[in-house]
């Protein structure tokens, strides 16, 4: 693995970049869902809301 990146620091930078990307995407999707479905009850029962 280290041969691919060069050193451990590069590996950590890559991992942190991926984690940040995932967090940002999650926040964006959550905000989009929250804004689109402004029903207060949607937060408590996402499964039932999606199925219904």
C-alpha atoms as a PDB file:
ATOM      1  CA  UNK A   1       0.000   0.000   0.000  1.00  0.00           C
ATOM      2  CA  UNK A   2       2.779   2.406   0.916  1.00  0.00           C
ATOM      3  CA  UNK A   3       4.446   1.734  -2.447  1.00  0.00           C
ATOM      4  CA  UNK A   4       1.375   3.152  -4.148  1.00  0.00           C
ATOM      5  CA  UNK A   5       1.262   6.407  -2.191  1.00  0.00           C
ATOM      6  CA  UNK A   6       4.930   6.833  -1.265  1.00  0.00           C
ATOM      7  CA  UNK A   7       4.597   7.278   2.511  1.00  0.00           C
ATOM      8  CA  UNK A   8       2.180   7.013   5.405  1.00  0.00           C
ATOM      9  CA  UNK A   9       1.348  10.731   5.406  1.00  0.00           C
ATOM     10  CA  UNK A  10       0.054  10.528   1.845  1.00  0.00           C
ATOM     11  CA  UNK A  11      -2.128   7.585   2.853  1.00  0.00           C
ATOM     12  CA  UNK A  12      -3.646   9.594   5.709  1.00  0.00           C
ATOM     13  CA  UNK A  13      -4.230  12.592   3.432  1.00  0.00           C
ATOM     14  CA  UNK A  14      -6.005  10.319   0.939  1.00  0.00           C
ATOM     15  CA  UNK A  15      -8.137   8.725   3.674  1.00  0.00           C
ATOM     16  CA  UNK A  16      -9.085  12.090   5.187  1.00  0.00           C
ATOM     17  CA  UNK A  17      -9.986  13.428   1.747  1.00  0.00           C
ATOM     18  CA  UNK A  18     -12.310  10.471   1.178  1.00  0.00           C
ATOM     19  CA  UNK A  19     -13.885  10.867   4.630  1.00  0.00           C
ATOM     20  CA  UNK A  20     -14.482  14.582   4.045  1.00  0.00           C
ATOM     21  CA  UNK A  21     -16.051  13.805   0.667  1.00  0.00           C
ATOM     22  CA  UNK A  22     -18.410  11.252   2.211  1.00  0.00           C
ATOM     23  CA  UNK A  23     -19.400  13.645   5.010  1.00  0.00           C
ATOM     24  CA  UNK A  24     -20.086  16.506   2.591  1.00  0.00           C
ATOM     25  CA  UNK A  25     -22.162  14.284   0.311  1.00  0.00           C
ATOM     26  CA  UNK A  26     -24.122  12.977   3.303  1.00  0.00           C
ATOM     27  CA  UNK A  27     -24.854  16.512   4.523  1.00  0.00           C
ATOM     28  CA  UNK A  28     -25.928  17.653   1.058  1.00  0.00           C
ATOM     29  CA  UNK A  29     -28.268  14.697   0.604  1.00  0.00           C
ATOM     30  CA  UNK A  30     -29.687  15.131   4.112  1.00  0.00           C
ATOM     31  CA  UNK A  31     -30.340  18.838   3.553  1.00  0.00           C
ATOM     32  CA  UNK A  32     -31.892  18.164   0.148  1.00  0.00           C
ATOM     33  CA  UNK A  33     -34.184  15.503   1.631  1.00  0.00           C
ATOM     34  CA  UNK A  34     -35.023  17.722   4.622  1.00  0.00           C
ATOM     35  CA  UNK A  35     -35.851  20.743   2.454  1.00  0.00           C
ATOM     36  CA  UNK A  36     -37.847  18.706  -0.052  1.00  0.00           C
ATOM     37  CA  UNK A  37     -39.866  16.901   2.619  1.00  0.00           C
ATOM     38  CA  UNK A  38     -40.550  19.576   5.220  1.00  0.00           C
ATOM     39  CA  UNK A  39     -42.943  17.350   7.170  1.00  0.00           C
ATOM     40  CA  UNK A  40     -41.760  17.217  10.833  1.00  0.00           C
ATOM     41  CA  UNK A  41     -42.824  13.570  11.116  1.00  0.00           C
ATOM     42  CA  UNK A  42     -40.539  12.531   8.270  1.00  0.00           C
ATOM     43  CA  UNK A  43     -37.502  12.641  10.559  1.00  0.00           C
ATOM     44  CA  UNK A  44     -38.993  10.135  12.994  1.00  0.00           C
ATOM     45  CA  UNK A  45     -40.189   7.563  10.443  1.00  0.00           C
ATOM     46  CA  UNK A  46     -38.046   7.678   7.280  1.00  0.00           C
ATOM     47  CA  UNK A  47     -38.761   4.026   6.412  1.00  0.00           C
ATOM     48  CA  UNK A  48     -42.531   4.404   6.562  1.00  0.00           C
ATOM     49  CA  UNK A  49     -42.341   7.675   4.647  1.00  0.00           C
ATOM     50  CA  UNK A  50     -40.287   6.092   1.858  1.00  0.00           C
ATOM     51  CA  UNK A  51     -42.553   3.037   1.651  1.00  0.00           C
ATOM     52  CA  UNK A  52     -45.750   5.039   1.652  1.00  0.00           C
END
